[in-house]
Amino acid sequence: METLMIVLFFIGAGYAVFSLTVGDWLGFEFHAGDLPFLSPTVIATFLTVFGGIGYMLLYETDWPALPAAAVSLLGGLGVSTVVMFLVVIPLHAAEKGAALSSKAMIGLEAEVVTSIDGTQLGEIVYLQGGTRHSAPAKTVEGAFIPQGSAVRIVGETAGTFVVEPVPVAPVAHILN
């Protein structure tokens, strides 16, 4: 039983080290969607705590396997629940909110506050939820858009909005 506990501990700890060191570099990520208790972070936390407590109880005390496993189970469930509510759920909500806000802006109009040149980014301001925000912007075709122009947001790439000029409606002249 000690062997099982130490193996579970190293699996959980190994996953944590792997995801911290090379997870972002390799683009390795897994989202559990609406089931945060199935998040790899929560599972790795449970395995690490369950295996660590179980191994310590079996190795350092004279406890039988069943009570040691029960205490380890309670400890693993407790710590992984805390991690789920204090880390996983808030991070998931923050990612979801940021993704929705960028996509919700597509199709809306904004104003250029710093001219956008074909090769350089400019800056736009837009209203979202009654609050004025600014963001970097570039044009679809690399055209020049002067300060004060109205633009339409047509996309978003790595935090930079892609915009196009809003066509100006022709003014009807009334001839006498």
N, C-alpha and C. Protein backbone atom coordinates (compact mmCIF):
# COMPACT_ATOMS: atom_id res chain seq x y z
N MET A 1 0.83 -1.19 0.00
CA MET A 1 0.00 0.00 0.00
C MET A 1 0.87 1.26 0.00
N GLU A 2 2.03 1.21 0.68
CA GLU A 2 2.93 2.36 0.67
C GLU A 2 3.37 2.68 -0.75
N THR A 3 3.63 1.65 -1.53
CA THR A 3 4.07 1.84 -2.91
C THR A 3 3.00 2.55 -3.73
N LEU A 4 1.75 2.15 -3.56
CA LEU A 4 0.66 2.79 -4.28
C LEU A 4 0.57 4.27 -3.91
N MET A 5 0.67 4.57 -2.64
CA MET A 5 0.56 5.96 -2.18
C MET A 5 1.70 6.82 -2.74
N ILE A 6 2.90 6.31 -2.73
CA ILE A 6 4.03 7.11 -3.23
C ILE A 6 3.95 7.28 -4.74
N VAL A 7 3.43 6.27 -5.45
CA VAL A 7 3.25 6.39 -6.90
C VAL A 7 2.21 7.46 -7.21
N LEU A 8 1.08 7.45 -6.48
CA LEU A 8 0.06 8.47 -6.69
C LEU A 8 0.60 9.87 -6.38
N PHE A 9 1.39 9.98 -5.33
CA PHE A 9 2.00 11.26 -4.99
C PHE A 9 2.88 11.76 -6.14
N PHE A 10 3.73 10.91 -6.68
CA PHE A 10 4.63 11.33 -7.75
C PHE A 10 3.89 11.60 -9.06
N ILE A 11 2.80 10.89 -9.32
CA ILE A 11 2.01 11.20 -10.51
C ILE A 11 1.43 12.60 -10.41
N GLY A 12 0.82 12.93 -9.27
CA GLY A 12 0.25 14.27 -9.08
C GLY A 12 1.31 15.35 -9.10
N ALA A 13 2.40 15.15 -8.38
CA ALA A 13 3.47 16.15 -8.34
C ALA A 13 4.15 16.28 -9.71
N GLY A 14 4.32 15.16 -10.39
CA GLY A 14 4.93 15.19 -11.73
C GLY A 14 4.09 15.95 -12.73
N TYR A 15 2.79 15.76 -12.67
CA TYR A 15 1.90 16.51 -13.56
C TYR A 15 2.00 18.01 -13.27
N ALA A 16 2.03 18.37 -12.01
CA ALA A 16 2.12 19.79 -11.64
C ALA A 16 3.42 20.39 -12.17
N VAL A 17 4.53 19.71 -11.98
CA VAL A 17 5.82 20.22 -12.46
C VAL A 17 5.83 20.29 -13.98
N PHE A 18 5.31 19.26 -14.64
CA PHE A 18 5.26 19.24 -16.11
C PHE A 18 4.45 20.41 -16.64
N SER A 19 3.26 20.63 -16.09
CA SER A 19 2.41 21.70 -16.61
C SER A 19 2.99 23.07 -16.32
N LEU A 20 3.69 23.24 -15.21
CA LEU A 20 4.31 24.53 -14.90
C LEU A 20 5.50 24.82 -15.80
N THR A 21 6.29 23.80 -16.10
CA THR A 21 7.54 24.04 -16.85
C THR A 21 7.35 24.03 -18.36
N VAL A 22 6.65 23.06 -18.90
CA VAL A 22 6.54 22.97 -20.35
C VAL A 22 5.12 23.05 -20.86
N GLY A 23 4.13 23.17 -19.98
CA GLY A 23 2.74 23.20 -20.40
C GLY A 23 2.43 24.37 -21.31
N ASP A 24 2.81 25.60 -20.93
CA ASP A 24 2.56 26.77 -21.76
C ASP A 24 3.40 26.75 -23.02
N TRP A 25 4.61 26.26 -22.91
CA TRP A 25 5.53 26.23 -24.05
C TRP A 25 4.99 25.32 -25.15
N LEU A 26 4.43 24.19 -24.77
CA LEU A 26 3.89 23.24 -25.74
C LEU A 26 2.43 23.52 -26.09
N GLY A 27 1.83 24.52 -25.46
CA GLY A 27 0.43 24.80 -25.69
C GLY A 27 -0.46 23.73 -25.06
N PHE A 28 0.05 23.06 -24.05
CA PHE A 28 -0.66 21.97 -23.39
C PHE A 28 -1.65 22.52 -22.39
N GLU A 29 -2.93 22.36 -22.69
CA GLU A 29 -3.93 22.75 -21.71
C GLU A 29 -5.18 21.92 -21.95
N PHE A 30 -5.89 21.67 -20.90
CA PHE A 30 -7.11 20.90 -20.95
C PHE A 30 -8.13 21.60 -20.09
N HIS A 31 -9.30 21.85 -20.64
CA HIS A 31 -10.35 22.50 -19.87
C HIS A 31 -11.47 21.50 -19.64
N ALA A 32 -11.92 21.43 -18.42
CA ALA A 32 -12.99 20.50 -18.07
C ALA A 32 -14.36 21.09 -18.33
N GLY A 33 -14.42 22.29 -18.91
CA GLY A 33 -15.70 22.90 -19.23
C GLY A 33 -16.50 23.24 -18.00
N ASP A 34 -17.71 22.72 -17.94
CA ASP A 34 -18.61 23.03 -16.83
C ASP A 34 -18.42 22.09 -15.65
N LEU A 35 -17.42 21.25 -15.67
CA LEU A 35 -17.16 20.30 -14.59
C LEU A 35 -15.81 20.60 -13.96
N PRO A 36 -15.74 21.63 -13.10
CA PRO A 36 -14.44 22.04 -12.56
C PRO A 36 -13.78 20.98 -11.69
N PHE A 37 -14.55 20.04 -11.13
CA PHE A 37 -13.94 19.00 -10.31
C PHE A 37 -13.19 17.98 -11.16
N LEU A 38 -13.37 18.04 -12.49
CA LEU A 38 -12.60 17.18 -13.40
C LEU A 38 -11.40 17.91 -13.99
N SER A 39 -11.13 19.10 -13.51
CA SER A 39 -9.98 19.85 -13.98
C SER A 39 -8.70 19.08 -13.64
N PRO A 40 -7.74 19.06 -14.56
CA PRO A 40 -6.47 18.38 -14.27
C PRO A 40 -5.78 18.94 -13.03
N THR A 41 -5.93 20.22 -12.77
CA THR A 41 -5.34 20.82 -11.59
C THR A 41 -5.94 20.23 -10.32
N VAL A 42 -7.25 20.07 -10.30
CA VAL A 42 -7.93 19.51 -9.13
C VAL A 42 -7.56 18.03 -8.97
N ILE A 43 -7.53 17.30 -10.08
CA ILE A 43 -7.18 15.87 -10.01
C ILE A 43 -5.74 15.69 -9.54
N ALA A 44 -4.82 16.49 -10.09
CA ALA A 44 -3.42 16.40 -9.67
C ALA A 44 -3.25 16.78 -8.20
N THR A 45 -4.00 17.78 -7.75
CA THR A 45 -3.94 18.16 -6.34
C THR A 45 -4.42 17.02 -5.46
N PHE A 46 -5.54 16.40 -5.84
CA PHE A 46 -6.07 15.28 -5.08
C PHE A 46 -5.05 14.14 -5.01
N LEU A 47 -4.50 13.75 -6.16
CA LEU A 47 -3.54 12.64 -6.18
C LEU A 47 -2.31 12.94 -5.33
N THR A 48 -1.81 14.16 -5.42
CA THR A 48 -0.62 14.53 -4.65
C THR A 48 -0.89 14.49 -3.15
N VAL A 49 -1.99 15.09 -2.73
CA VAL A 49 -2.30 15.14 -1.30
C VAL A 49 -2.68 13.75 -0.79
N PHE A 50 -3.52 13.04 -1.52
CA PHE A 50 -3.93 11.69 -1.10
C PHE A 50 -2.71 10.78 -0.98
N GLY A 51 -1.86 10.78 -1.98
CA GLY A 51 -0.67 9.93 -1.95
C GLY A 51 0.32 10.35 -0.88
N GLY A 52 0.51 11.65 -0.73
CA GLY A 52 1.46 12.14 0.27
C GLY A 52 1.02 11.85 1.69
N ILE A 53 -0.23 12.16 2.01
CA ILE A 53 -0.72 11.88 3.37
C ILE A 53 -0.75 10.37 3.62
N GLY A 54 -1.22 9.61 2.64
CA GLY A 54 -1.27 8.15 2.80
C GLY A 54 0.10 7.56 3.04
N TYR A 55 1.07 7.99 2.26
CA TYR A 55 2.43 7.47 2.44
C TYR A 55 2.98 7.83 3.82
N MET A 56 2.79 9.09 4.23
CA MET A 56 3.30 9.51 5.54
C MET A 56 2.63 8.72 6.67
N LEU A 57 1.33 8.52 6.58
CA LEU A 57 0.63 7.78 7.64
C LEU A 57 1.07 6.32 7.68
N LEU A 58 1.25 5.70 6.54
CA LEU A 58 1.65 4.29 6.50
C LEU A 58 3.11 4.11 6.89
N TYR A 59 3.96 5.05 6.51
CA TYR A 59 5.38 4.92 6.76
C TYR A 59 5.76 5.35 8.18
N GLU A 60 5.13 6.42 8.67
CA GLU A 60 5.53 7.01 9.94
C GLU A 60 4.72 6.52 11.14
N THR A 61 3.58 5.91 10.90
CA THR A 61 2.74 5.45 12.02
C THR A 61 2.50 3.94 11.89
N ASP A 62 1.83 3.41 12.87
CA ASP A 62 1.48 1.98 12.84
C ASP A 62 0.03 1.78 12.43
N TRP A 63 -0.53 2.76 11.74
CA TRP A 63 -1.93 2.67 11.34
C TRP A 63 -2.13 1.57 10.30
N PRO A 64 -3.25 0.89 10.36
CA PRO A 64 -3.57 -0.07 9.30
C PRO A 64 -3.90 0.68 7.99
N ALA A 65 -3.91 -0.03 6.91
CA ALA A 65 -4.10 0.59 5.59
C ALA A 65 -5.45 1.28 5.44
N LEU A 66 -6.52 0.67 5.93
CA LEU A 66 -7.85 1.24 5.73
C LEU A 66 -8.04 2.59 6.44
N PRO A 67 -7.71 2.75 7.71
CA PRO A 67 -7.83 4.07 8.33
C PRO A 67 -6.89 5.12 7.70
N ALA A 68 -5.70 4.70 7.32
CA ALA A 68 -4.76 5.63 6.67
C ALA A 68 -5.33 6.10 5.33
N ALA A 69 -5.92 5.16 4.58
CA ALA A 69 -6.52 5.52 3.29
C ALA A 69 -7.73 6.44 3.49
N ALA A 70 -8.51 6.22 4.55
CA ALA A 70 -9.69 7.06 4.82
C ALA A 70 -9.26 8.49 5.16
N VAL A 71 -8.26 8.64 6.02
CA VAL A 71 -7.77 9.97 6.38
C VAL A 71 -7.15 10.64 5.15
N SER A 72 -6.43 9.88 4.35
CA SER A 72 -5.83 10.42 3.11
C SER A 72 -6.91 10.87 2.14
N LEU A 73 -7.98 10.10 2.04
CA LEU A 73 -9.09 10.45 1.16
C LEU A 73 -9.72 11.77 1.61
N LEU A 74 -9.97 11.90 2.90
CA LEU A 74 -10.55 13.14 3.42
C LEU A 74 -9.62 14.33 3.19
N GLY A 75 -8.34 14.14 3.43
CA GLY A 75 -7.37 15.22 3.19
C GLY A 75 -7.30 15.60 1.72
N GLY A 76 -7.24 14.60 0.85
CA GLY A 76 -7.18 14.88 -0.59
C GLY A 76 -8.42 15.58 -1.08
N LEU A 77 -9.60 15.12 -0.64
CA LEU A 77 -10.85 15.77 -1.04
C LEU A 77 -10.92 17.21 -0.51
N GLY A 78 -10.48 17.40 0.72
CA GLY A 78 -10.53 18.74 1.31
C GLY A 78 -9.64 19.73 0.59
N VAL A 79 -8.39 19.36 0.37
CA VAL A 79 -7.44 20.28 -0.27
C VAL A 79 -7.84 20.52 -1.73
N SER A 80 -8.24 19.48 -2.46
CA SER A 80 -8.61 19.67 -3.86
C SER A 80 -9.89 20.49 -3.99
N THR A 81 -10.81 20.39 -3.02
CA THR A 81 -12.01 21.22 -3.04
C THR A 81 -11.64 22.69 -2.83
N VAL A 82 -10.74 22.96 -1.91
CA VAL A 82 -10.28 24.33 -1.69
C VAL A 82 -9.62 24.87 -2.96
N VAL A 83 -8.77 24.10 -3.60
CA VAL A 83 -8.11 24.52 -4.84
C VAL A 83 -9.14 24.79 -5.93
N MET A 84 -10.16 23.93 -6.02
CA MET A 84 -11.19 24.11 -7.03
C MET A 84 -11.92 25.45 -6.84
N PHE A 85 -12.33 25.75 -5.59
CA PHE A 85 -13.11 26.96 -5.35
C PHE A 85 -12.27 28.23 -5.32
N LEU A 86 -11.01 28.14 -4.91
CA LEU A 86 -10.19 29.35 -4.81
C LEU A 86 -9.31 29.62 -6.03
N VAL A 87 -9.09 28.59 -6.86
CA VAL A 87 -8.20 28.77 -8.00
C VAL A 87 -8.89 28.46 -9.33
N VAL A 88 -9.36 27.24 -9.50
CA VAL A 88 -9.85 26.77 -10.80
C VAL A 88 -11.10 27.52 -11.25
N ILE A 89 -12.11 27.60 -10.41
CA ILE A 89 -13.36 28.26 -10.80
C ILE A 89 -13.14 29.75 -11.08
N PRO A 90 -12.45 30.51 -10.21
CA PRO A 90 -12.22 31.93 -10.54
C PRO A 90 -11.40 32.14 -11.83
N LEU A 91 -10.39 31.32 -12.06
CA LEU A 91 -9.60 31.46 -13.29
C LEU A 91 -10.43 31.14 -14.52
N HIS A 92 -11.24 30.11 -14.44
CA HIS A 92 -12.09 29.74 -15.57
C HIS A 92 -13.09 30.85 -15.88
N ALA A 93 -13.67 31.43 -14.83
CA ALA A 93 -14.62 32.53 -15.02
C ALA A 93 -13.94 33.75 -15.64
N ALA A 94 -12.71 34.04 -15.21
CA ALA A 94 -11.98 35.18 -15.76
C ALA A 94 -11.65 34.97 -17.24
N GLU A 95 -11.22 33.78 -17.60
CA GLU A 95 -10.91 33.48 -19.00
C GLU A 95 -12.17 33.57 -19.85
N LYS A 96 -13.25 33.03 -19.35
CA LYS A 96 -14.51 33.02 -20.10
C LYS A 96 -15.01 34.45 -20.30
N GLY A 97 -14.91 35.29 -19.27
CA GLY A 97 -15.36 36.68 -19.37
C GLY A 97 -14.54 37.47 -20.35
N ALA A 98 -13.23 37.27 -20.35
CA ALA A 98 -12.36 38.01 -21.27
C ALA A 98 -12.62 37.59 -22.70
N ALA A 99 -12.81 36.29 -22.93
CA ALA A 99 -13.05 35.80 -24.29
C ALA A 99 -14.38 36.33 -24.82
N LEU A 100 -15.40 36.35 -24.00
CA LEU A 100 -16.69 36.83 -24.44
C LEU A 100 -16.66 38.32 -24.73
N SER A 101 -15.93 39.10 -23.94
CA SER A 101 -15.92 40.54 -24.15
C SER A 101 -15.27 40.91 -25.48
N SER A 102 -14.21 40.24 -25.89
CA SER A 102 -13.55 40.52 -27.16
C SER A 102 -14.46 40.15 -28.32
N LYS A 103 -15.06 38.97 -28.25
CA LYS A 103 -15.92 38.51 -29.34
C LYS A 103 -17.19 39.36 -29.42
N ALA A 104 -17.67 39.85 -28.29
CA ALA A 104 -18.88 40.66 -28.28
C ALA A 104 -18.65 42.00 -28.98
N MET A 105 -17.42 42.44 -29.11
CA MET A 105 -17.12 43.74 -29.71
C MET A 105 -17.14 43.68 -31.24
N ILE A 106 -17.01 42.51 -31.81
CA ILE A 106 -16.97 42.39 -33.28
C ILE A 106 -18.29 42.88 -33.86
N GLY A 107 -18.17 43.78 -34.83
CA GLY A 107 -19.33 44.36 -35.48
C GLY A 107 -19.71 45.73 -34.93
N LEU A 108 -19.16 46.11 -33.79
CA LEU A 108 -19.47 47.41 -33.20
C LEU A 108 -18.53 48.48 -33.72
N GLU A 109 -18.96 49.72 -33.55
CA GLU A 109 -18.15 50.85 -34.02
C GLU A 109 -17.30 51.41 -32.90
N ALA A 110 -16.19 52.01 -33.30
CA ALA A 110 -15.26 52.64 -32.36
C ALA A 110 -14.70 53.90 -33.01
N GLU A 111 -13.93 54.66 -32.25
CA GLU A 111 -13.30 55.87 -32.77
C GLU A 111 -11.79 55.73 -32.67
N VAL A 112 -11.09 56.15 -33.70
CA VAL A 112 -9.63 56.11 -33.71
C VAL A 112 -9.11 57.30 -32.92
N VAL A 113 -8.30 57.04 -31.88
CA VAL A 113 -7.72 58.15 -31.11
C VAL A 113 -6.24 58.34 -31.42
N THR A 114 -5.60 57.32 -31.94
CA THR A 114 -4.23 57.43 -32.44
C THR A 114 -4.24 56.84 -33.84
N SER A 115 -3.84 57.62 -34.83
CA SER A 115 -3.90 57.19 -36.23
C SER A 115 -3.32 55.80 -36.41
N ILE A 116 -3.97 55.06 -37.31
CA ILE A 116 -3.52 53.70 -37.61
C ILE A 116 -2.84 53.74 -38.97
N ASP A 117 -1.56 53.39 -38.98
CA ASP A 117 -0.80 53.34 -40.23
C ASP A 117 -0.71 51.88 -40.64
N GLY A 118 -0.51 51.63 -41.90
CA GLY A 118 -0.49 50.27 -42.41
C GLY A 118 0.45 49.33 -41.68
N THR A 119 1.61 49.84 -41.25
CA THR A 119 2.60 48.97 -40.61
C THR A 119 2.65 49.13 -39.10
N GLN A 120 1.95 50.13 -38.58
CA GLN A 120 2.00 50.39 -37.14
C GLN A 120 0.60 50.32 -36.54
N LEU A 121 0.56 49.93 -35.28
CA LEU A 121 -0.71 49.87 -34.58
C LEU A 121 -1.15 51.27 -34.19
N GLY A 122 -2.45 51.45 -34.14
CA GLY A 122 -3.02 52.68 -33.62
C GLY A 122 -3.82 52.33 -32.38
N GLU A 123 -4.66 53.26 -31.95
CA GLU A 123 -5.47 53.01 -30.76
C GLU A 123 -6.89 53.45 -31.03
N ILE A 124 -7.84 52.65 -30.54
CA ILE A 124 -9.25 52.98 -30.67
C ILE A 124 -9.87 53.08 -29.28
N VAL A 125 -11.01 53.78 -29.21
CA VAL A 125 -11.81 53.79 -27.99
C VAL A 125 -13.20 53.29 -28.36
N TYR A 126 -13.81 52.58 -27.42
CA TYR A 126 -15.13 52.02 -27.65
C TYR A 126 -15.87 51.95 -26.32
N LEU A 127 -17.17 51.84 -26.41
CA LEU A 127 -18.00 51.72 -25.21
C LEU A 127 -18.40 50.26 -25.02
N GLN A 128 -18.25 49.80 -23.79
CA GLN A 128 -18.67 48.44 -23.46
C GLN A 128 -19.30 48.48 -22.08
N GLY A 129 -20.57 48.17 -22.03
CA GLY A 129 -21.28 48.19 -20.76
C GLY A 129 -21.32 49.57 -20.14
N GLY A 130 -21.36 50.61 -20.97
CA GLY A 130 -21.42 51.97 -20.46
C GLY A 130 -20.07 52.53 -20.03
N THR A 131 -19.00 51.76 -20.21
CA THR A 131 -17.67 52.19 -19.83
C THR A 131 -16.82 52.36 -21.08
N ARG A 132 -16.05 53.43 -21.10
CA ARG A 132 -15.17 53.72 -22.25
C ARG A 132 -13.85 52.97 -22.07
N HIS A 133 -13.47 52.21 -23.09
CA HIS A 133 -12.23 51.43 -23.07
C HIS A 133 -11.38 51.81 -24.27
N SER A 134 -10.08 51.61 -24.13
CA SER A 134 -9.19 51.80 -25.27
C SER A 134 -8.45 50.50 -25.53
N ALA A 135 -8.04 50.33 -26.78
CA ALA A 135 -7.34 49.10 -27.16
C ALA A 135 -6.48 49.36 -28.39
N PRO A 136 -5.42 48.58 -28.57
CA PRO A 136 -4.64 48.70 -29.80
C PRO A 136 -5.46 48.19 -30.98
N ALA A 137 -5.17 48.74 -32.16
CA ALA A 137 -5.92 48.33 -33.35
C ALA A 137 -5.03 48.37 -34.58
N LYS A 138 -5.38 47.53 -35.54
CA LYS A 138 -4.72 47.54 -36.85
C LYS A 138 -5.81 47.42 -37.91
N THR A 139 -5.47 47.75 -39.14
CA THR A 139 -6.48 47.72 -40.20
C THR A 139 -6.46 46.39 -40.92
N VAL A 140 -7.56 46.13 -41.61
CA VAL A 140 -7.69 44.88 -42.35
C VAL A 140 -6.68 44.82 -43.48
N GLU A 141 -6.59 45.89 -44.24
CA GLU A 141 -5.74 45.89 -45.44
C GLU A 141 -4.47 46.71 -45.28
N GLY A 142 -4.16 47.14 -44.08
CA GLY A 142 -2.97 47.94 -43.86
C GLY A 142 -3.09 49.38 -44.33
N ALA A 143 -4.32 49.86 -44.45
CA ALA A 143 -4.55 51.23 -44.91
C ALA A 143 -4.33 52.22 -43.77
N PHE A 144 -4.19 53.49 -44.13
CA PHE A 144 -4.05 54.55 -43.14
C PHE A 144 -5.44 55.02 -42.73
N ILE A 145 -5.67 55.11 -41.43
CA ILE A 145 -6.93 55.64 -40.90
C ILE A 145 -6.57 56.76 -39.93
N PRO A 146 -6.99 57.99 -40.23
CA PRO A 146 -6.59 59.13 -39.38
C PRO A 146 -7.33 59.17 -38.05
N GLN A 147 -6.76 59.92 -37.15
CA GLN A 147 -7.35 60.14 -35.82
C GLN A 147 -8.73 60.77 -35.99
N GLY A 148 -9.68 60.34 -35.17
CA GLY A 148 -11.03 60.87 -35.21
C GLY A 148 -11.97 60.13 -36.13
N SER A 149 -11.45 59.19 -36.92
CA SER A 149 -12.29 58.44 -37.85
C SER A 149 -13.11 57.38 -37.12
N ALA A 150 -14.27 57.10 -37.69
CA ALA A 150 -15.11 56.01 -37.16
C ALA A 150 -14.70 54.71 -37.85
N VAL A 151 -14.58 53.65 -37.06
CA VAL A 151 -14.20 52.34 -37.60
C VAL A 151 -15.15 51.28 -37.05
N ARG A 152 -15.19 50.15 -37.74
CA ARG A 152 -15.97 49.00 -37.30
C ARG A 152 -14.98 47.90 -36.92
N ILE A 153 -15.21 47.28 -35.79
CA ILE A 153 -14.35 46.17 -35.34
C ILE A 153 -14.79 44.91 -36.08
N VAL A 154 -13.84 44.29 -36.80
CA VAL A 154 -14.17 43.11 -37.59
C VAL A 154 -13.48 41.85 -37.07
N GLY A 155 -12.59 42.00 -36.11
CA GLY A 155 -11.90 40.83 -35.56
C GLY A 155 -10.99 41.22 -34.42
N GLU A 156 -10.35 40.20 -33.86
CA GLU A 156 -9.42 40.42 -32.75
C GLU A 156 -8.32 39.38 -32.84
N THR A 157 -7.08 39.83 -32.73
CA THR A 157 -5.94 38.93 -32.79
C THR A 157 -4.98 39.29 -31.68
N ALA A 158 -4.79 38.37 -30.76
CA ALA A 158 -3.83 38.52 -29.67
C ALA A 158 -3.98 39.85 -28.93
N GLY A 159 -5.20 40.23 -28.63
CA GLY A 159 -5.44 41.44 -27.86
C GLY A 159 -5.48 42.72 -28.69
N THR A 160 -5.31 42.60 -29.99
CA THR A 160 -5.36 43.75 -30.89
C THR A 160 -6.61 43.63 -31.77
N PHE A 161 -7.43 44.68 -31.79
CA PHE A 161 -8.62 44.66 -32.63
C PHE A 161 -8.25 44.92 -34.07
N VAL A 162 -8.93 44.25 -34.99
CA VAL A 162 -8.79 44.48 -36.42
C VAL A 162 -10.00 45.30 -36.83
N VAL A 163 -9.73 46.44 -37.48
CA VAL A 163 -10.81 47.37 -37.80
C VAL A 163 -10.82 47.71 -39.28
N GLU A 164 -11.97 48.24 -39.73
CA GLU A 164 -12.10 48.76 -41.08
C GLU A 164 -12.83 50.10 -40.98
N PRO A 165 -12.56 51.01 -41.91
CA PRO A 165 -13.26 52.31 -41.86
C PRO A 165 -14.76 52.12 -42.06
N VAL A 166 -15.53 52.93 -41.39
CA VAL A 166 -16.98 52.93 -41.58
C VAL A 166 -17.27 53.83 -42.77
N PRO A 167 -17.97 53.30 -43.77
CA PRO A 167 -18.27 54.16 -44.93
C PRO A 167 -19.17 55.32 -44.52
N VAL A 168 -18.84 56.48 -45.04
CA VAL A 168 -19.63 57.67 -44.75
C VAL A 168 -20.81 57.71 -45.69
N ALA A 169 -22.00 57.84 -45.14
CA ALA A 169 -23.20 57.91 -45.98
C ALA A 169 -23.21 59.22 -46.75
N PRO A 170 -23.59 59.16 -48.03
CA PRO A 170 -23.62 60.40 -48.81
C PRO A 170 -24.70 61.35 -48.29
N VAL A 171 -24.38 62.62 -48.35
CA VAL A 171 -25.31 63.65 -47.89
C VAL A 171 -26.17 64.07 -49.08
N ALA A 172 -27.47 64.02 -48.92
CA ALA A 172 -28.38 64.43 -50.02
C ALA A 172 -28.49 65.94 -50.03
N HIS A 173 -28.23 66.51 -51.16
CA HIS A 173 -28.33 67.96 -51.29
C HIS A 173 -29.72 68.31 -51.85
N ILE A 174 -30.30 69.28 -51.25
CA ILE A 174 -31.60 69.74 -51.73
C ILE A 174 -31.35 70.95 -52.61
N LEU A 175 -31.75 70.83 -53.85
CA LEU A 175 -31.56 71.95 -54.78
C LEU A 175 -32.86 72.73 -54.85
N ASN A 176 -32.75 74.02 -54.81
CA ASN A 176 -33.94 74.87 -54.91
C ASN A 176 -34.28 75.14 -56.33
